Protein backbone atom coordinates (compact mmCIF):
# COMPACT_ATOMS: atom_id res chain seq x y z
CA MET A 1 89.22 88.02 100.27
CA GLY A 2 88.41 90.73 97.70
CA GLU A 3 86.34 90.33 94.57
CA LYS A 4 87.96 88.70 91.56
CA ILE A 5 89.63 91.19 89.21
CA THR A 6 87.99 91.23 85.76
CA ILE A 7 89.13 92.35 82.33
CA ARG A 8 86.94 95.44 82.75
CA ASP A 9 88.85 96.37 85.91
CA VAL A 10 92.11 96.14 83.97
CA ALA A 11 90.68 98.27 81.17
CA LYS A 12 89.50 100.97 83.61
CA HIS A 13 92.85 101.00 85.43
CA ALA A 14 94.76 101.37 82.14
CA GLY A 15 92.28 103.86 80.67
CA VAL A 16 91.53 101.73 77.62
CA SER A 17 88.68 99.59 76.31
CA ALA A 18 88.09 96.00 77.35
CA ALA A 19 88.62 95.01 73.72
CA SER A 20 92.14 96.48 73.81
CA VAL A 21 92.96 94.45 76.91
CA SER A 22 91.64 91.31 75.18
CA TYR A 23 93.82 92.00 72.13
CA VAL A 24 96.96 92.25 74.27
CA LEU A 25 96.18 89.16 76.35
CA ASN A 26 95.52 87.10 73.23
CA GLY A 27 98.60 88.33 71.37
CA ILE A 28 96.64 90.21 68.72
CA ASN A 29 98.65 93.15 67.37
CA LYS A 30 95.93 95.82 67.19
CA VAL A 31 97.11 98.40 69.75
CA SER A 32 100.11 100.70 69.96
CA ASP A 33 103.21 99.78 71.93
CA GLU A 34 102.44 102.56 74.42
CA THR A 35 98.91 101.21 75.01
CA LYS A 36 100.19 97.66 75.29
CA GLU A 37 102.67 98.77 77.95
CA ARG A 38 99.92 100.49 79.98
CA ILE A 39 97.77 97.38 79.81
CA LEU A 40 100.58 95.05 80.90
CA THR A 41 101.40 97.41 83.78
CA ALA A 42 97.74 97.39 84.85
CA VAL A 43 97.67 93.58 84.70
CA LYS A 44 100.72 93.43 86.97
CA GLU A 45 99.52 96.08 89.41
CA LEU A 46 96.09 94.48 89.80
CA ASN A 47 97.52 90.96 89.86
CA TYR A 48 95.01 90.02 87.19
CA GLU A 49 94.78 86.34 86.20
CA PRO A 50 93.15 85.74 82.80
CA ASN A 51 90.32 83.25 82.52
CA LEU A 52 92.16 80.39 80.81
CA THR A 53 88.94 78.89 79.47
CA ALA A 54 88.05 82.15 77.76
CA VAL A 55 91.57 82.55 76.37
CA SER A 56 91.42 78.97 75.09
CA LEU A 57 88.16 79.59 73.24
CA SER A 58 89.35 82.85 71.71
CA LYS A 59 92.63 81.36 70.52
CA GLN A 60 91.14 77.98 69.58
CA LYS A 61 94.07 76.56 71.56
CA SER A 62 94.04 75.28 75.12
CA ASN A 63 97.70 74.32 75.62
CA MET A 64 96.39 71.03 77.01
CA ILE A 65 97.53 67.61 75.87
CA GLY A 66 95.32 64.62 76.62
CA VAL A 67 96.54 61.14 77.55
CA MET A 68 94.06 58.31 76.98
CA PHE A 69 94.25 54.83 78.51
CA PRO A 70 92.06 51.82 77.75
CA LEU A 71 89.48 51.90 80.54
CA THR A 72 89.41 48.93 82.92
CA ASP A 73 86.43 48.43 85.26
CA ASP A 74 85.33 52.06 84.79
CA SER A 75 88.47 53.32 86.54
CA LEU A 76 92.16 54.03 85.92
CA SER A 77 93.07 53.15 89.51
CA THR A 78 94.34 49.67 88.62
CA ILE A 79 96.69 51.03 85.96
CA PHE A 80 98.45 53.46 88.28
CA LYS A 81 98.28 51.39 91.47
CA ASP A 82 99.55 48.12 90.07
CA ASN A 83 101.66 49.03 87.03
CA HIS A 84 104.66 51.29 87.58
CA TYR A 85 105.47 51.14 83.88
CA TYR A 86 102.77 53.73 83.16
CA SER A 87 103.85 55.94 86.04
CA GLU A 88 107.36 56.14 84.59
CA MET A 89 106.05 56.89 81.11
CA ILE A 90 103.73 59.63 82.39
CA SER A 91 106.77 61.15 84.13
CA GLY A 92 108.54 61.42 80.77
CA ILE A 93 105.47 62.90 79.09
CA GLU A 94 104.91 65.47 81.85
CA TYR A 95 108.58 66.48 81.83
CA VAL A 96 108.41 67.47 78.16
CA ILE A 97 105.01 69.10 77.97
CA ARG A 98 105.62 71.30 81.02
CA LYS A 99 108.86 72.60 79.48
CA HIS A 100 106.88 73.57 76.36
CA GLY A 101 104.13 75.37 78.27
CA TYR A 102 101.43 72.68 78.00
CA ASP A 103 99.31 71.04 80.69
CA LEU A 104 98.51 67.34 80.99
CA VAL A 105 95.03 65.85 81.34
CA ILE A 106 94.42 62.12 81.73
CA SER A 107 91.34 60.01 81.07
CA GLY A 108 90.19 56.52 80.25
CA ALA A 109 88.47 55.76 76.98
CA SER A 110 85.02 54.27 77.40
CA SER A 111 82.66 54.58 74.42
CA PRO A 112 83.88 56.39 71.27
CA ALA A 113 81.12 58.98 71.71
CA ASP A 114 82.18 59.74 75.29
CA CYS A 115 85.80 59.94 74.19
CA LEU A 116 85.01 62.48 71.47
CA LYS A 117 82.93 64.52 73.90
CA TRP A 118 85.78 64.58 76.43
CA ILE A 119 88.23 65.79 73.79
CA ARG A 120 85.98 68.48 72.35
CA THR A 121 84.66 69.92 75.62
CA ARG A 122 88.21 70.38 76.87
CA ASN A 123 89.48 71.76 73.57
CA ILE A 124 92.43 69.36 73.69
CA ASP A 125 95.29 70.42 71.38
CA GLY A 126 96.75 66.94 70.89
CA LEU A 127 96.33 63.37 72.11
CA LEU A 128 98.47 60.45 73.24
CA PHE A 129 96.82 57.02 73.20
CA LEU A 130 98.70 54.56 75.42
CA GLY A 131 97.93 50.94 74.63
CA ALA A 132 95.47 49.10 72.43
CA PHE A 133 91.91 50.37 72.00
CA PRO A 134 88.76 49.01 70.31
CA HIS A 135 88.85 49.37 66.53
CA ARG A 136 85.69 51.46 66.50
CA LEU A 137 87.48 54.09 68.60
CA TYR A 138 90.30 54.46 66.06
CA GLU A 139 87.71 54.93 63.34
CA LYS A 140 85.89 57.58 65.35
CA MET A 141 89.10 59.50 66.02
CA LYS A 142 89.58 60.06 62.29
CA ALA A 143 86.86 62.69 62.53
CA LEU A 144 89.16 64.85 64.67
CA SER A 145 91.64 67.39 63.36
CA ASN A 146 93.67 67.10 66.58
CA PRO A 147 97.09 65.44 66.19
CA ILE A 148 97.10 61.93 67.67
CA VAL A 149 100.13 59.84 68.65
CA LEU A 150 99.70 56.12 69.36
CA VAL A 151 102.05 54.43 71.83
CA ASP A 152 102.48 50.64 72.21
CA THR A 153 100.05 49.79 69.42
CA TYR A 154 100.33 47.24 66.61
CA GLU A 155 97.13 47.62 64.70
CA ARG A 156 96.24 48.25 61.10
CA TYR A 157 95.26 51.75 62.22
CA GLU A 158 98.80 52.70 63.18
CA ARG A 159 99.46 53.81 59.60
CA ASP A 160 96.80 56.50 60.01
CA TYR A 161 98.46 58.14 63.04
CA HIS A 162 101.84 59.09 64.46
CA HIS A 163 103.16 55.99 66.21
CA ILE A 164 105.80 55.28 68.91
CA SER A 165 106.85 51.72 69.78
CA VAL A 166 109.86 49.65 70.81
CA ASP A 167 111.29 46.56 69.14
CA ASP A 168 109.15 44.19 71.20
CA GLU A 169 109.79 41.14 69.03
CA TYR A 170 113.55 41.54 69.31
CA GLY A 171 113.18 42.03 73.06
CA GLY A 172 111.36 38.72 73.35
CA TYR A 173 114.07 37.08 71.27
CA LEU A 174 116.87 38.51 73.45
CA ALA A 175 115.23 37.41 76.69
CA THR A 176 114.62 33.85 75.53
CA THR A 177 118.03 33.47 73.88
CA HIS A 178 119.66 34.51 77.16
CA LEU A 179 117.83 31.74 79.02
CA VAL A 180 118.60 29.18 76.30
CA ASN A 181 122.30 30.08 76.45
CA LEU A 182 122.21 29.39 80.20
CA GLY A 183 121.11 25.82 79.44
CA HIS A 184 117.37 26.17 80.01
CA LYS A 185 114.94 24.31 77.74
CA GLU A 186 111.65 24.35 79.68
CA ILE A 187 111.07 28.10 79.52
CA ALA A 188 107.72 29.60 80.45
CA PHE A 189 106.34 32.69 78.74
CA VAL A 190 103.97 34.76 80.88
CA ALA A 191 101.79 37.37 79.17
CA HIS A 192 98.69 39.39 79.86
CA HIS A 193 95.98 39.12 77.20
CA LEU A 194 98.19 37.43 74.61
CA VAL A 195 95.38 37.49 72.05
CA ASN A 196 94.23 41.05 72.77
CA SER A 197 97.65 42.59 73.46
CA PRO A 198 99.60 43.22 70.25
CA VAL A 199 102.66 44.11 72.34
CA ASP A 200 102.68 40.77 74.14
CA LYS A 201 102.04 39.00 70.85
CA LYS A 202 105.20 40.56 69.40
CA ARG A 203 107.19 39.48 72.45
CA TYR A 204 105.81 35.96 72.11
CA ILE A 205 106.90 35.84 68.46
CA GLY A 206 110.44 36.69 69.59
CA TYR A 207 110.24 34.02 72.31
CA GLU A 208 109.09 31.40 69.82
CA LYS A 209 111.76 32.36 67.29
CA ALA A 210 114.56 31.98 69.84
CA LEU A 211 113.30 28.54 70.88
CA LYS A 212 113.10 27.30 67.30
CA GLU A 213 116.58 28.58 66.50
CA ALA A 214 117.86 26.55 69.47
CA GLY A 215 116.08 23.42 68.24
CA ILE A 216 113.48 23.56 71.02
CA THR A 217 109.88 22.90 70.05
CA PRO A 218 107.62 25.59 71.56
CA SER A 219 104.92 24.14 73.81
CA LYS A 220 101.58 25.79 74.54
CA THR A 221 101.72 24.24 78.01
CA PHE A 222 104.56 26.64 78.80
CA VAL A 223 102.56 29.75 77.81
CA PHE A 224 100.51 31.46 80.53
CA GLU A 225 98.15 34.44 80.47
CA VAL A 226 96.92 36.66 83.28
CA ASN A 227 94.24 39.33 83.26
CA GLU A 228 96.44 42.37 83.90
CA SER A 229 100.11 43.16 84.33
CA SER A 230 100.13 43.39 88.13
CA PHE A 231 102.30 42.16 90.98
CA ASP A 232 99.43 40.13 92.45
CA ASN A 233 98.79 38.34 89.14
CA GLY A 234 102.47 37.50 88.89
CA TYR A 235 102.42 36.23 92.47
CA ASN A 236 99.43 33.98 91.79
CA LEU A 237 101.07 32.67 88.61
CA GLY A 238 104.25 31.88 90.56
CA ASN A 239 102.23 29.71 92.95
CA LYS A 240 100.58 27.98 89.99
CA LEU A 241 103.99 27.14 88.50
CA LEU A 242 105.05 25.55 91.78
CA GLN A 243 101.89 23.44 92.04
CA ASP A 244 101.28 22.35 88.44
CA HIS A 245 104.47 22.83 86.43
CA LYS A 246 107.40 21.51 88.42
CA ASP A 247 109.40 20.87 85.22
CA ILE A 248 109.71 24.59 84.46
CA ARG A 249 112.90 26.19 85.76
CA ALA A 250 113.02 29.41 83.72
CA VAL A 251 110.46 32.16 83.14
CA PHE A 252 110.28 35.06 80.70
CA ALA A 253 107.56 37.46 81.84
CA SER A 254 106.24 40.14 79.48
CA SER A 255 106.62 42.82 82.19
CA ASP A 256 108.88 43.43 85.17
CA THR A 257 105.81 43.81 87.38
CA LEU A 258 104.71 40.25 86.60
CA ALA A 259 108.26 38.94 86.98
CA LEU A 260 108.66 40.51 90.43
CA GLY A 261 105.39 38.94 91.58
CA ILE A 262 106.51 35.53 90.33
CA MET A 263 109.83 35.88 92.16
CA LYS A 264 108.06 36.74 95.40
CA ALA A 265 105.84 33.64 95.24
CA LEU A 266 108.77 31.33 94.50
CA GLN A 267 110.90 32.79 97.30
CA GLU A 268 108.10 32.48 99.86
CA LYS A 269 108.00 28.73 99.11
CA GLY A 270 111.72 28.41 99.81
CA LYS A 271 112.91 28.46 96.20
CA LYS A 272 116.15 30.27 95.47
CA ILE A 273 116.64 32.61 92.54
CA PRO A 274 118.64 32.08 90.36
CA GLN A 275 119.79 28.72 91.77
CA ASP A 276 116.37 27.04 91.39
CA TYR A 277 114.68 29.39 88.89
CA SER A 278 115.92 31.93 86.37
CA ILE A 279 113.58 34.88 85.81
CA VAL A 280 113.65 37.54 83.07
CA GLY A 281 111.30 40.52 82.86
CA PHE A 282 110.65 43.25 80.32
CA ASP A 283 110.73 47.07 80.73
CA ASP A 284 113.50 47.74 83.28
CA ILE A 285 111.31 49.81 85.57
CA THR A 286 113.14 51.36 88.54
CA PHE A 287 112.08 48.65 91.00
CA SER A 288 113.79 45.97 88.90
CA SER A 289 117.24 46.98 90.10
CA TYR A 290 116.01 47.31 93.72
CA ALA A 291 114.64 43.75 93.92
CA SER A 292 116.54 41.01 95.73
CA PRO A 293 117.94 39.45 93.67
CA SER A 294 117.98 42.26 91.11
CA LEU A 295 115.97 41.40 88.02
CA THR A 296 117.46 40.50 84.65
CA THR A 297 115.28 42.26 82.11
CA ILE A 298 114.85 43.70 78.65
CA ARG A 299 115.42 47.40 78.94
CA GLN A 300 113.24 49.82 77.11
CA ASP A 301 113.84 53.33 78.39
CA VAL A 302 110.27 53.91 79.61
CA PHE A 303 110.87 57.51 80.69
CA ASN A 304 112.45 58.25 77.31
CA LYS A 305 109.52 56.65 75.51
CA GLY A 306 107.31 59.18 77.27
CA VAL A 307 109.70 61.97 76.26
CA VAL A 308 109.65 60.87 72.60
CA ALA A 309 105.85 60.52 72.58
CA ALA A 310 105.31 63.95 74.12
CA THR A 311 107.83 65.57 71.77
CA SER A 312 106.08 63.99 68.80
CA VAL A 313 102.63 65.27 69.73
CA ILE A 314 103.94 68.79 70.40
CA GLN A 315 105.76 68.86 67.07
CA ALA A 316 102.58 67.65 65.38
CA ILE A 317 100.55 70.39 67.08
CA GLU A 318 103.06 72.95 65.87
CA HIS A 319 102.97 71.52 62.32
CA ARG A 320 106.60 70.45 62.18
CA PHE A 321 105.82 67.19 60.35
CA SER A 322 105.00 66.89 56.67
CA THR A 323 104.29 63.15 57.00
CA LEU A 324 103.19 60.75 59.74
CA GLN A 325 106.02 59.73 62.05
CA HIS A 326 106.59 56.08 62.95
CA VAL A 327 109.34 55.67 65.55
CA LYS A 328 110.66 52.31 66.78
CA LEU A 329 112.92 52.57 69.84
CA SER A 330 115.66 50.06 70.60
CA VAL A 331 115.83 47.56 73.46
CA GLU A 332 118.71 45.81 75.23
CA LEU A 333 119.27 42.89 77.56
CA ILE A 334 120.26 43.91 81.10
CA ILE A 335 121.77 40.96 82.93
CA ARG A 336 121.45 41.11 86.71
CA ASP A 337 121.21 38.49 89.47
CA SER A 338 117.94 36.68 88.71
CA THR A 339 119.38 34.41 86.00
CA ALA A 340 122.13 31.77 86.10
CA LYS A 341 123.21 28.56 84.37
CA ARG A 342 120.82 25.68 84.90
CA ARG A 343 122.12 23.32 87.56
């Protein structure tokens, strides 16, 4: 393998100065068209690849967009291994940013200081924050000039940033109303971090509203929390329902991943869905339609949410907004085979 071609090699080949080559590579109009053509020909003939880090520093633009997740156990492995919701959203984000010539970098937010260091050392052009973060982190981010878009956040800080969400409260209302209309009264609500998850809190408000409208008094004994939205946690919760809550015959889970785990546990113990239990999820991830029976769920277009979030941060980077953008996406009830009239 030969030595790496440098900007000086390009300059010598084209018969110009290294500064002239730098001007052309960085889009600075300081050389004649004839000189520019010679330089571009030299670049092609030598198969020269610019140092992207150097170009980034000279332009004060990296063409990199950062995606931040709340850090769990010092690793993001749990998020991507156990929760397909985020995989589908990242797919939507990547689809948009690649088309616009940006690259994607992903990290987990630990301390605010470490987060700021990560952003600055990589010269990130814009940021997407997925989920809820500690308040001190939001405060620290105000020191940045980088555009920031929050996704799935209901905090007082959302007014300070671009914000993408779905109508989570209405989704919770739709799911619960569907079960009530099927004749169910003892309806469980399964959440992860109900207190610390503003998204789940909104969905619970919708659940509670639907029950009250139907004349059913909400009961805290029918509300369950798990540590994370994972299949295993749903599975364990399904076993708990069988052992300790035999009166419950309908479940609204705050994510499809939890709902699918619950279904698996019930089926392994010989329970039939929807004959014995009706189950509703939230998200409509791809696996929901593949399950047996297929899962009734509240559909938010997760891929499209990623598309909208990525589009928003790119438009903010390119200064297309005069004000902060707050977008609330719609949801809909998708009725499949996991729900039926109570027998």
